[in-house]
């Protein structure tokens, strides 16, 4: 047995010895054999510097650090700060947009704040021909508000370059986007300076870039949020943050998935509110451009042409069957909806009188203060009189500084000029001349008497203009009240009474009144 094993080993070690078998190749390492370096015993290798390798872009010795979260300066008492009064220009610092209530008065106020003139929003209770015929002329467009449900979008058509269309690129901005999609396409609608500049700067942009431009326009966002409380803005910011977090998780799960109906799915996610049971609403616009009627939905990529109408037809005749079918379907499914119309307000004549009155007051005040300085001026007025072209209340009447300055000189009411002092020589009237008239001289008496008469005439005209303005505002409010859009009432809706109520309840609690009331109710 041992001899057999030895013979086998010999054959393996020398396979070609018998000549009947091919020699087996030797297995060698693929690495090149290197000659070991000589070791010099006289060298102190411990003092040698370590070898530094050049940095590599492909490999990192340590994993990349995650970015540190952004730091915020939070107040000590967040609840007290949230319920406190507004600070100056605080609304402009908020980047979130609130969800708007479908109130025609709110939308009319927003139109004035962004610079639209001679227009208002009215609720449309029916889409029959007789109801639409009663709307003030002209009807610039319709805004349809509905409870959002996921549905297939209409087939996209070739978009006309004449149609101005913007996408909705931020949360809760669909109402203002729908309004702007009508405003920018309306013919004969008065636009303020900033709206004209926005239209000019965005005419060559794509719909998403137009939407982004609107989102970055703080003056539009402030007008949109003009009826918001701080708690509304906090809720909108939290909702937006939740949507961002949900979107990040979704992208992490399906990083490579890109679906065609991404916009519709994102809108559905917003409407679902992460499954909290709340209802999401959406605004879309219908507007005539040329001889065609277009549906402008900020969540779709392109506008949709509804149909064409003839010269002798009203454009709403094309919309009636479309809206009737949609309303009947939503009623069957028990979904909420409403219809608003952007139309003329027929208040231009009152608005022009108010603009002339305000400019007359402004110029009268400027002239008076130029001759009479000091706090004893009789033209110091109360806050209920608008006498400045930069007054914030002008937007409630769809006026701005440009309208005030555009009033013709012929429509202004001016004080009578001061008596001329042409009979007095220029040399004698100079205060540096030795022959200047003394206070008791006849020339000085004439000058003093003229100043007194001019002041009396100016004060009288000021009082007349103040009274005239009150009558104009009453006339404006009466006509606007018939449509439920009285400016003074709308201004009251912009006040946030949360801080006052919170302070009042806190005082009751500090005096033990709430505890006593709780005990009485419990007993």
Protein backbone atom coordinates (compact mmCIF):
# COMPACT_ATOMS: atom_id res chain seq x y z
CA UNK A 1 0.00 0.00 0.00
CA UNK A 2 2.77 2.41 0.85
CA UNK A 3 4.56 1.54 -2.43
CA UNK A 4 1.38 2.33 -4.39
CA UNK A 5 1.02 5.75 -2.78
CA UNK A 6 4.68 6.54 -3.42
CA UNK A 7 4.35 5.61 -7.11
CA UNK A 8 1.30 7.85 -7.46
CA UNK A 9 3.10 10.80 -5.94
CA UNK A 10 6.03 10.26 -8.26
CA UNK A 11 3.74 10.31 -11.29
CA UNK A 12 2.17 13.58 -10.17
CA UNK A 13 5.53 15.15 -9.52
CA UNK A 14 6.93 14.06 -12.90
CA UNK A 15 3.96 13.57 -15.24
CA UNK A 16 5.94 13.52 -18.47
CA UNK A 17 8.24 10.76 -17.44
CA UNK A 18 6.34 7.90 -19.10
CA UNK A 19 5.73 9.90 -22.29
CA UNK A 20 2.00 8.99 -22.50
CA UNK A 21 0.61 11.99 -20.59
CA UNK A 22 0.85 15.72 -21.15
CA UNK A 23 2.63 17.68 -18.47
CA UNK A 24 0.28 19.54 -16.08
CA UNK A 25 0.81 23.33 -15.96
CA UNK A 26 2.10 24.82 -12.78
CA UNK A 27 -0.24 27.25 -10.95
CA UNK A 28 1.44 30.56 -10.28
CA UNK A 29 0.27 33.80 -8.74
CA UNK A 30 -0.71 36.60 -11.14
CA UNK A 31 1.15 39.17 -9.07
CA UNK A 32 4.62 40.17 -10.17
CA UNK A 33 7.29 39.05 -7.81
CA UNK A 34 9.26 41.95 -6.38
CA UNK A 35 12.75 41.96 -5.03
CA UNK A 36 12.65 42.77 -1.34
CA UNK A 37 14.18 46.10 -0.54
CA UNK A 38 17.45 46.14 1.31
CA UNK A 39 17.21 46.99 4.96
CA UNK A 40 19.77 49.49 6.12
CA UNK A 41 20.44 49.03 9.78
CA UNK A 42 21.97 52.53 10.06
CA UNK A 43 18.71 54.30 9.12
CA UNK A 44 16.11 55.22 11.78
CA UNK A 45 12.88 54.42 9.93
CA UNK A 46 10.72 55.68 12.80
CA UNK A 47 11.67 59.30 11.95
CA UNK A 48 10.54 59.05 8.33
CA UNK A 49 7.42 61.00 7.36
CA UNK A 50 4.38 58.98 6.37
CA UNK A 51 3.63 58.68 2.71
CA UNK A 52 0.81 61.07 1.66
CA UNK A 53 -1.33 59.88 -1.22
CA UNK A 54 -3.00 62.39 -3.53
CA UNK A 55 -6.73 62.81 -2.89
CA UNK A 56 -9.00 60.76 -5.08
CA UNK A 57 -12.36 61.92 -6.39
CA UNK A 58 -13.63 58.36 -6.66
CA UNK A 59 -13.00 57.13 -3.17
CA UNK A 60 -13.46 58.69 0.25
CA UNK A 61 -11.79 57.47 3.38
CA UNK A 62 -14.75 58.63 5.46
CA UNK A 63 -18.39 58.83 4.38
CA UNK A 64 -19.68 62.27 3.42
CA UNK A 65 -21.32 64.11 6.28
CA UNK A 66 -24.98 64.94 6.03
CA UNK A 67 -25.83 68.63 5.88
CA UNK A 68 -26.71 70.10 9.23
CA UNK A 69 -30.37 71.10 9.56
CA UNK A 70 -31.17 74.77 9.21
CA UNK A 71 -31.26 76.58 12.54
CA UNK A 72 -34.23 78.72 13.51
CA UNK A 73 -34.56 81.25 16.29
CA UNK A 74 -37.69 80.06 18.05
CA UNK A 75 -39.30 82.27 20.69
CA UNK A 76 -39.43 81.09 24.28
CA UNK A 77 -43.22 80.90 24.23
CA UNK A 78 -44.24 79.78 20.76
CA UNK A 79 -47.97 79.75 21.54
CA UNK A 80 -47.97 83.35 22.81
CA UNK A 81 -46.04 84.50 19.74
CA UNK A 82 -48.39 82.64 17.38
CA UNK A 83 -51.44 84.29 18.94
CA UNK A 84 -49.88 87.75 19.23
CA UNK A 85 -50.62 90.78 17.02
CA UNK A 86 -49.12 91.22 13.57
CA UNK A 87 -45.77 92.95 13.26
CA UNK A 88 -45.07 95.49 10.56
CA UNK A 89 -44.58 93.85 7.13
CA UNK A 90 -44.78 90.41 8.75
CA UNK A 91 -47.18 89.02 6.14
CA UNK A 92 -44.69 89.72 3.35
CA UNK A 93 -42.14 87.48 5.07
CA UNK A 94 -44.36 84.38 4.86
CA UNK A 95 -43.67 82.21 1.82
CA UNK A 96 -46.80 80.07 2.21
CA UNK A 97 -50.17 80.62 0.53
CA UNK A 98 -53.40 80.03 2.42
CA UNK A 99 -56.45 78.19 1.10
CA UNK A 100 -58.99 80.83 0.05
CA UNK A 101 -62.66 80.79 0.89
CA UNK A 102 -64.97 81.00 -2.13
CA UNK A 103 -66.35 84.42 -1.22
CA UNK A 104 -66.97 86.93 -4.05
CA UNK A 105 -66.11 89.82 -1.71
CA UNK A 106 -62.69 88.29 -0.96
CA UNK A 107 -61.91 87.84 -4.63
CA UNK A 108 -63.02 91.37 -5.48
CA UNK A 109 -60.74 92.75 -2.77
CA UNK A 110 -57.83 90.69 -4.13
CA UNK A 111 -58.46 92.12 -7.61
CA UNK A 112 -58.06 95.63 -6.23
CA UNK A 113 -54.95 94.76 -4.23
CA UNK A 114 -53.09 93.34 -7.24
CA UNK A 115 -54.03 96.31 -9.44
CA UNK A 116 -57.17 95.34 -11.41
CA UNK A 117 -59.50 98.27 -12.09
CA UNK A 118 -63.17 98.37 -12.96
CA UNK A 119 -63.95 94.71 -12.21
CA UNK A 120 -65.63 92.61 -9.55
CA UNK A 121 -66.48 89.00 -8.78
CA UNK A 122 -70.09 87.83 -8.68
CA UNK A 123 -71.45 84.43 -7.76
CA UNK A 124 -73.36 82.64 -10.52
CA UNK A 125 -76.21 80.52 -9.17
CA UNK A 126 -77.23 79.01 -12.49
CA UNK A 127 -75.77 78.68 -15.97
CA UNK A 128 -79.00 79.12 -17.88
CA UNK A 129 -79.15 81.85 -20.51
CA UNK A 130 -81.34 84.23 -18.48
CA UNK A 131 -79.07 84.13 -15.41
CA UNK A 132 -75.91 84.74 -17.42
CA UNK A 133 -77.62 87.63 -19.22
CA UNK A 134 -78.14 89.45 -15.89
CA UNK A 135 -74.40 89.59 -15.15
CA UNK A 136 -72.80 93.05 -15.47
CA UNK A 137 -71.15 93.56 -18.81
CA UNK A 138 -68.55 92.67 -19.88
CA UNK A 139 -68.02 89.14 -18.54
CA UNK A 140 -64.26 88.64 -18.74
CA UNK A 141 -64.18 85.03 -17.52
CA UNK A 142 -65.59 82.36 -15.22
CA UNK A 143 -63.94 80.68 -12.24
CA UNK A 144 -65.17 77.18 -11.40
CA UNK A 145 -64.49 75.87 -7.89
CA UNK A 146 -65.04 72.17 -7.27
CA UNK A 147 -64.18 69.43 -4.85
CA UNK A 148 -61.14 67.86 -6.40
CA UNK A 149 -61.34 64.26 -7.56
CA UNK A 150 -58.88 62.37 -9.71
CA UNK A 151 -60.19 62.23 -13.27
CA UNK A 152 -58.81 62.00 -16.76
CA UNK A 153 -57.93 65.37 -18.17
CA UNK A 154 -59.32 66.61 -21.44
CA UNK A 155 -57.29 66.07 -24.55
CA UNK A 156 -54.69 68.76 -25.01
CA UNK A 157 -54.99 70.89 -28.12
CA UNK A 158 -52.52 73.04 -29.97
CA UNK A 159 -52.07 76.11 -27.81
CA UNK A 160 -52.49 79.53 -29.36
CA UNK A 161 -49.69 81.98 -28.68
CA UNK A 162 -52.37 84.54 -27.90
CA UNK A 163 -53.40 82.62 -24.77
CA UNK A 164 -51.55 83.65 -21.61
CA UNK A 165 -51.40 80.61 -19.33
CA UNK A 166 -49.53 79.95 -16.08
CA UNK A 167 -49.13 76.72 -14.15
CA UNK A 168 -49.68 76.38 -10.42
CA UNK A 169 -46.24 75.74 -8.93
CA UNK A 170 -47.00 76.14 -5.24
CA UNK A 171 -49.50 74.92 -2.69
CA UNK A 172 -52.95 76.63 -2.34
CA UNK A 173 -52.31 79.22 -5.08
CA UNK A 174 -54.93 77.85 -7.52
CA UNK A 175 -57.44 80.66 -6.81
CA UNK A 176 -55.03 83.47 -7.65
CA UNK A 177 -53.63 81.52 -10.62
CA UNK A 178 -57.18 81.15 -12.00
CA UNK A 179 -57.80 84.89 -11.58
CA UNK A 180 -54.52 85.83 -13.27
CA UNK A 181 -55.21 83.44 -16.16
CA UNK A 182 -58.39 85.45 -16.80
CA UNK A 183 -56.93 88.89 -16.11
CA UNK A 184 -53.99 88.48 -18.48
CA UNK A 185 -56.29 87.41 -21.35
CA UNK A 186 -59.15 89.88 -20.78
CA UNK A 187 -59.69 92.66 -23.31
CA UNK A 188 -60.42 96.18 -22.09
CA UNK A 189 -59.66 95.41 -18.44
CA UNK A 190 -57.72 98.10 -16.58
CA UNK A 191 -54.40 96.87 -15.16
CA UNK A 192 -52.07 98.59 -12.74
CA UNK A 193 -48.38 99.23 -13.38
CA UNK A 194 -47.10 96.06 -11.69
CA UNK A 195 -49.60 93.84 -13.52
CA UNK A 196 -48.63 95.38 -16.86
CA UNK A 197 -44.96 94.80 -16.07
CA UNK A 198 -45.68 91.20 -15.06
CA UNK A 199 -47.54 90.56 -18.30
CA UNK A 200 -44.75 92.10 -20.39
CA UNK A 201 -41.93 90.26 -18.60
CA UNK A 202 -43.69 86.89 -18.76
CA UNK A 203 -44.98 86.98 -22.34
CA UNK A 204 -42.14 84.79 -23.67
CA UNK A 205 -41.96 82.42 -20.68
CA UNK A 206 -43.34 78.89 -20.48
CA UNK A 207 -46.37 78.20 -18.22
CA UNK A 208 -44.24 76.64 -15.43
CA UNK A 209 -41.87 79.63 -15.41
CA UNK A 210 -44.81 82.01 -15.32
CA UNK A 211 -46.17 80.13 -12.32
CA UNK A 212 -42.79 80.32 -10.63
CA UNK A 213 -42.65 84.06 -11.35
CA UNK A 214 -46.04 84.51 -9.67
CA UNK A 215 -44.91 82.43 -6.70
CA UNK A 216 -41.87 84.68 -6.25
CA UNK A 217 -43.90 87.92 -6.49
CA UNK A 218 -44.36 88.91 -2.86
CA UNK A 219 -46.94 91.59 -3.68
CA UNK A 220 -49.24 88.98 -5.25
CA UNK A 221 -48.77 86.59 -2.33
CA UNK A 222 -49.52 89.35 0.20
CA UNK A 223 -52.73 90.22 -1.68
CA UNK A 224 -53.69 86.53 -1.70
CA UNK A 225 -53.05 86.27 2.06
CA UNK A 226 -54.69 89.59 2.95
CA UNK A 227 -57.57 87.83 4.76
CA UNK A 228 -55.33 85.37 6.60
CA UNK A 229 -54.68 85.06 10.29
CA UNK A 230 -51.26 84.03 11.53
CA UNK A 231 -52.68 80.62 12.45
CA UNK A 232 -53.83 80.20 8.84
CA UNK A 233 -50.31 80.89 7.60
CA UNK A 234 -48.83 78.52 10.16
CA UNK A 235 -51.25 75.81 9.06
CA UNK A 236 -50.41 76.42 5.39
CA UNK A 237 -46.68 76.24 6.13
CA UNK A 238 -47.14 72.98 8.07
CA UNK A 239 -49.23 71.48 5.29
CA UNK A 240 -46.60 72.42 2.73
CA UNK A 241 -43.84 70.91 4.87
CA UNK A 242 -45.82 67.67 5.23
CA UNK A 243 -46.26 67.50 1.46
CA UNK A 244 -42.54 68.06 0.93
CA UNK A 245 -41.65 65.29 3.39
CA UNK A 246 -44.15 62.92 1.79
CA UNK A 247 -42.75 63.69 -1.65
CA UNK A 248 -39.20 62.99 -0.49
CA UNK A 249 -40.25 59.59 0.88
CA UNK A 250 -42.07 58.81 -2.33
CA UNK A 251 -39.03 59.67 -4.44
CA UNK A 252 -36.81 57.54 -2.23
CA UNK A 253 -39.08 54.53 -2.78
CA UNK A 254 -39.51 54.98 -6.50
CA UNK A 255 -36.48 56.96 -7.59
CA UNK A 256 -36.68 55.84 -11.23
CA UNK A 257 -40.47 56.04 -11.64
CA UNK A 258 -41.70 58.89 -13.79
CA UNK A 259 -45.35 58.78 -14.68
CA UNK A 260 -47.16 60.84 -17.30
CA UNK A 261 -49.83 62.10 -14.93
CA UNK A 262 -47.45 63.36 -12.27
CA UNK A 263 -49.25 66.70 -11.90
CA UNK A 264 -52.63 65.05 -11.37
CA UNK A 265 -51.23 62.65 -8.81
CA UNK A 266 -49.53 65.46 -6.87
CA UNK A 267 -52.76 67.41 -6.86
CA UNK A 268 -54.60 64.36 -5.55
CA UNK A 269 -52.00 63.98 -2.81
CA UNK A 270 -52.60 67.61 -1.81
CA UNK A 271 -56.35 67.10 -1.83
CA UNK A 272 -56.12 63.94 0.25
CA UNK A 273 -54.16 65.84 2.93
CA UNK A 274 -52.21 62.68 3.75
CA UNK A 275 -55.41 60.78 4.46
CA UNK A 276 -56.69 63.03 7.25
CA UNK A 277 -60.22 63.02 5.82
CA UNK A 278 -60.27 66.71 4.82
CA UNK A 279 -61.56 67.85 1.46
CA UNK A 280 -59.43 69.53 -1.20
CA UNK A 281 -60.82 72.12 -3.59
CA UNK A 282 -59.47 73.42 -6.87
CA UNK A 283 -60.09 76.49 -9.05
CA UNK A 284 -60.00 76.51 -12.85
CA UNK A 285 -60.73 79.35 -15.27
CA UNK A 286 -62.72 79.67 -18.50
CA UNK A 287 -61.88 82.65 -20.67
CA UNK A 288 -62.55 83.81 -24.24
CA UNK A 289 -59.54 84.58 -26.43
CA UNK A 290 -60.28 85.67 -29.95
CA UNK A 291 -63.28 83.61 -31.08
CA UNK A 292 -62.41 80.60 -28.93
CA UNK A 293 -63.19 79.62 -25.34
CA UNK A 294 -60.35 78.08 -23.33
CA UNK A 295 -60.21 76.05 -20.13
CA UNK A 296 -57.16 77.09 -18.10
CA UNK A 297 -56.29 74.64 -15.33
CA UNK A 298 -53.05 75.41 -13.52
CA UNK A 299 -52.44 71.70 -12.84
CA UNK A 300 -52.42 70.71 -16.51
CA UNK A 301 -49.55 71.24 -18.89
CA UNK A 302 -51.49 73.11 -21.59
CA UNK A 303 -54.81 74.96 -22.01
CA UNK A 304 -57.77 73.12 -23.52
CA UNK A 305 -59.92 74.69 -26.23
CA UNK A 306 -63.61 74.17 -25.38
CA UNK A 307 -65.02 75.48 -28.66
CA UNK A 308 -65.56 78.43 -30.95
CA UNK A 309 -68.37 80.97 -31.09
CA UNK A 310 -69.69 83.31 -33.77
CA UNK A 311 -69.58 87.08 -33.79
CA UNK A 312 -73.27 87.37 -32.91
CA UNK A 313 -72.97 84.89 -30.01
CA UNK A 314 -71.93 85.47 -26.42
CA UNK A 315 -68.96 83.35 -25.46
CA UNK A 316 -70.79 81.91 -22.45
CA UNK A 317 -73.11 80.06 -24.86
CA UNK A 318 -70.19 77.70 -25.56
CA UNK A 319 -69.66 77.13 -21.84
CA UNK A 320 -73.25 76.36 -20.86
CA UNK A 321 -73.42 72.70 -21.97
CA UNK A 322 -69.95 71.98 -20.55
CA UNK A 323 -70.75 73.45 -17.14
CA UNK A 324 -74.25 71.96 -17.02
CA UNK A 325 -72.89 68.47 -17.63
CA UNK A 326 -70.20 68.94 -15.01
CA UNK A 327 -72.58 70.33 -12.39
CA UNK A 328 -75.07 67.50 -12.90
CA UNK A 329 -72.30 64.94 -12.51
CA UNK A 330 -71.02 66.55 -9.30
CA UNK A 331 -74.54 66.75 -7.89
CA UNK A 332 -74.98 63.04 -8.56
CA UNK A 333 -71.70 62.29 -6.78
CA UNK A 334 -72.61 64.76 -3.99
CA UNK A 335 -69.52 66.86 -4.57
CA UNK A 336 -69.39 70.56 -3.71
CA UNK A 337 -68.87 73.21 -6.39
CA UNK A 338 -69.53 76.88 -7.12
CA UNK A 339 -69.21 79.25 -10.06
CA UNK A 340 -67.90 82.83 -10.01
CA UNK A 341 -67.82 85.44 -12.78
CA UNK A 342 -65.22 88.17 -13.29
CA UNK A 343 -67.16 91.04 -14.81
CA UNK A 344 -67.38 94.84 -14.92
CA UNK A 345 -68.53 96.71 -11.82
CA UNK A 346 -70.06 99.85 -13.43
CA UNK A 347 -68.40 102.06 -10.79
CA UNK A 348 -65.92 103.85 -13.02
CA UNK A 349 -67.80 107.16 -12.85
CA UNK A 350 -67.76 107.14 -9.04
CA UNK A 351 -64.14 106.04 -9.01
CA UNK A 352 -63.11 108.95 -11.25
CA UNK A 353 -64.82 111.46 -8.95
CA UNK A 354 -63.04 109.96 -5.95
CA UNK A 355 -59.65 110.15 -7.70
CA UNK A 356 -60.19 113.83 -8.57
CA UNK A 357 -61.22 114.58 -5.00
CA UNK A 358 -58.15 112.87 -3.52
CA UNK A 359 -55.74 114.67 -5.86
CA UNK A 360 -57.39 118.02 -5.09
CA UNK A 361 -56.90 117.37 -1.37
CA UNK A 362 -53.29 116.26 -1.88
CA UNK A 363 -52.33 119.34 -3.90
CA UNK A 364 -54.19 121.64 -1.53
CA UNK A 365 -52.31 120.19 1.42
CA UNK A 366 -48.98 120.49 -0.40
CA UNK A 367 -49.62 124.13 -1.26
CA UNK A 368 -50.77 124.99 2.26
CA UNK A 369 -47.84 123.29 3.99
CA UNK A 370 -45.47 125.13 1.67
CA UNK A 371 -46.63 128.47 3.09
CA UNK A 372 -47.61 127.53 6.64
CA UNK A 373 -45.35 125.32 8.71
CA UNK A 374 -45.90 123.99 12.18
CA UNK A 375 -48.28 121.76 14.12
CA UNK A 376 -51.00 124.43 14.30
CA UNK A 377 -52.02 123.82 10.69
CA UNK A 378 -55.79 123.74 10.26
CA UNK A 379 -55.45 121.14 7.48
CA UNK A 380 -54.32 118.39 9.85
CA UNK A 381 -57.08 115.88 9.24
CA UNK A 382 -58.35 112.67 10.76
CA UNK A 383 -57.53 109.22 9.42
CA UNK A 384 -60.98 108.74 7.89
CA UNK A 385 -60.11 111.12 5.03
CA UNK A 386 -58.01 109.86 2.12
CA UNK A 387 -55.76 112.75 1.08
CA UNK A 388 -52.60 111.00 -0.13
CA UNK A 389 -51.93 109.18 -3.44
CA UNK A 390 -50.06 106.48 -1.49
CA UNK A 391 -52.84 105.65 0.99
CA UNK A 392 -53.22 101.89 1.45
CA UNK A 393 -57.01 102.19 1.35
CA UNK A 394 -56.98 103.14 -2.34
CA UNK A 395 -56.85 99.47 -3.37
CA UNK A 396 -60.25 98.91 -1.71
CA UNK A 397 -61.70 101.25 -4.35
CA UNK A 398 -59.49 99.82 -7.15
CA UNK A 399 -57.38 102.97 -7.32
CA UNK A 400 -53.63 103.51 -7.06
CA UNK A 401 -51.13 106.35 -7.19
CA UNK A 402 -51.04 106.20 -10.98
CA UNK A 403 -54.80 106.84 -11.15
CA UNK A 404 -54.56 109.82 -8.81
CA UNK A 405 -51.74 111.43 -10.78
CA UNK A 406 -53.59 110.83 -14.07
CA UNK A 407 -56.53 113.09 -13.12
CA UNK A 408 -56.65 116.03 -15.59
CA UNK A 409 -55.95 119.49 -14.22
CA UNK A 410 -59.34 120.65 -15.46
CA UNK A 411 -61.11 118.33 -12.98
CA UNK A 412 -59.24 119.60 -9.91
CA UNK A 413 -60.62 122.07 -7.42
CA UNK A 414 -58.02 124.62 -6.39
CA UNK A 415 -57.90 127.46 -3.92
CA UNK A 416 -57.94 131.03 -5.30
CA UNK A 417 -54.44 132.45 -5.84
CA UNK A 418 -52.86 134.79 -3.30
CA UNK A 419 -53.22 138.51 -4.00
CA UNK A 420 -50.35 139.65 -6.18
CA UNK A 421 -47.86 142.07 -4.66
CA UNK A 422 -46.91 143.62 -7.98
CA UNK A 423 -47.49 147.15 -6.59
CA UNK A 424 -44.61 146.68 -4.17
CA UNK A 425 -41.15 147.26 -5.67
CA UNK A 426 -38.95 144.17 -5.68
CA UNK A 427 -36.12 146.05 -3.95
CA UNK A 428 -38.37 147.17 -1.14
CA UNK A 429 -39.85 143.67 -0.72
CA UNK A 430 -36.45 142.09 -0.22
CA UNK A 431 -35.67 141.27 3.42
CA UNK A 432 -32.04 142.24 2.76
CA UNK A 433 -32.90 145.69 1.49
CA UNK A 434 -32.59 148.68 3.86
CA UNK A 435 -35.92 149.88 2.58
CA UNK A 436 -37.80 146.67 3.50
CA UNK A 437 -41.29 147.47 4.74
CA UNK A 438 -41.75 147.41 8.45
CA UNK A 439 -44.57 145.42 10.05
CA UNK A 440 -46.52 148.66 10.39
CA UNK A 441 -46.03 149.77 6.77
CA UNK A 442 -48.94 149.63 4.26
CA UNK A 443 -47.15 147.00 2.14
CA UNK A 444 -46.76 144.70 5.14
CA UNK A 445 -50.42 145.11 6.00
CA UNK A 446 -51.47 144.19 2.47
CA UNK A 447 -49.26 141.09 2.56
CA UNK A 448 -50.58 139.95 5.94
CA UNK A 449 -54.16 140.53 4.84
CA UNK A 450 -53.56 138.55 1.65
CA UNK A 451 -52.07 135.63 3.59
CA UNK A 452 -55.03 135.59 5.94
CA UNK A 453 -57.54 135.60 3.08
CA UNK A 454 -55.66 132.83 1.26
CA UNK A 455 -55.56 130.72 4.40
CA UNK A 456 -59.28 131.18 4.98
CA UNK A 457 -60.06 130.25 1.37
CA UNK A 458 -57.82 127.20 1.57
CA UNK A 459 -59.40 126.01 4.81
CA UNK A 460 -62.89 126.51 3.38
CA UNK A 461 -62.07 124.54 0.23
CA UNK A 462 -60.48 121.79 2.32
CA UNK A 463 -63.67 121.40 4.36
CA UNK A 464 -65.75 121.31 1.18
CA UNK A 465 -63.54 118.59 -0.33
CA UNK A 466 -63.68 116.52 2.87
CA UNK A 467 -67.48 116.70 2.84
CA UNK A 468 -67.54 115.87 -0.87
CA UNK A 469 -65.35 112.81 -0.31
CA UNK A 470 -67.68 111.49 2.38
CA UNK A 471 -70.60 111.76 -0.06
CA UNK A 472 -68.61 110.01 -2.80
CA UNK A 473 -67.67 107.15 -0.47
CA UNK A 474 -71.29 106.76 0.59
CA UNK A 475 -72.33 106.60 -3.07
CA UNK A 476 -69.61 104.05 -3.82
CA UNK A 477 -70.48 101.92 -0.80
CA UNK A 478 -74.20 102.01 -1.59
CA UNK A 479 -73.67 100.71 -5.10
CA UNK A 480 -71.14 98.13 -3.94
CA UNK A 481 -73.40 97.01 -1.08
CA UNK A 482 -76.06 96.00 -3.57
CA UNK A 483 -73.60 93.32 -4.70
CA UNK A 484 -72.55 92.50 -1.13
CA UNK A 485 -69.09 94.00 -1.61
CA UNK A 486 -68.98 97.10 0.57
CA UNK A 487 -65.29 98.14 0.90
CA UNK A 488 -65.59 99.12 4.57
CA UNK A 489 -67.00 95.69 5.42
CA UNK A 490 -64.21 93.99 3.46
CA UNK A 491 -61.59 96.02 5.33
CA UNK A 492 -63.08 94.71 8.57
CA UNK A 493 -62.59 91.15 7.36
CA UNK A 494 -58.86 91.77 7.01
CA UNK A 495 -58.48 92.39 10.74
CA UNK A 496 -57.14 89.51 12.83
CA UNK A 497 -58.88 89.60 16.21
CA UNK A 498 -57.12 86.49 17.50
CA UNK A 499 -54.64 88.51 19.56
CA UNK A 500 -57.40 90.55 21.25
CA UNK A 501 -59.49 87.47 22.02
CA UNK A 502 -56.47 85.61 23.37
CA UNK A 503 -55.55 88.55 25.61
CA UNK A 504 -59.12 88.87 26.85
CA UNK A 505 -59.42 85.16 27.65
CA UNK A 506 -56.04 85.31 29.40
CA UNK A 507 -57.28 88.14 31.62
CA UNK A 508 -60.38 86.12 32.50
CA UNK A 509 -58.21 83.14 33.39
CA UNK A 510 -55.87 85.22 35.56
CA UNK A 511 -58.86 86.43 37.61
CA UNK A 512 -60.24 82.91 38.00
CA UNK A 513 -63.34 83.64 35.94
CA UNK A 514 -62.86 80.66 33.63
CA UNK A 515 -62.50 78.25 36.53
CA UNK A 516 -65.69 79.59 38.10
CA UNK A 517 -67.56 79.29 34.81
CA UNK A 518 -66.30 75.76 34.38
CA UNK A 519 -67.51 74.85 37.84
CA UNK A 520 -70.93 76.40 37.23
CA UNK A 521 -71.37 74.54 33.96
CA UNK A 522 -70.20 71.25 35.48
CA UNK A 523 -72.59 71.59 38.41
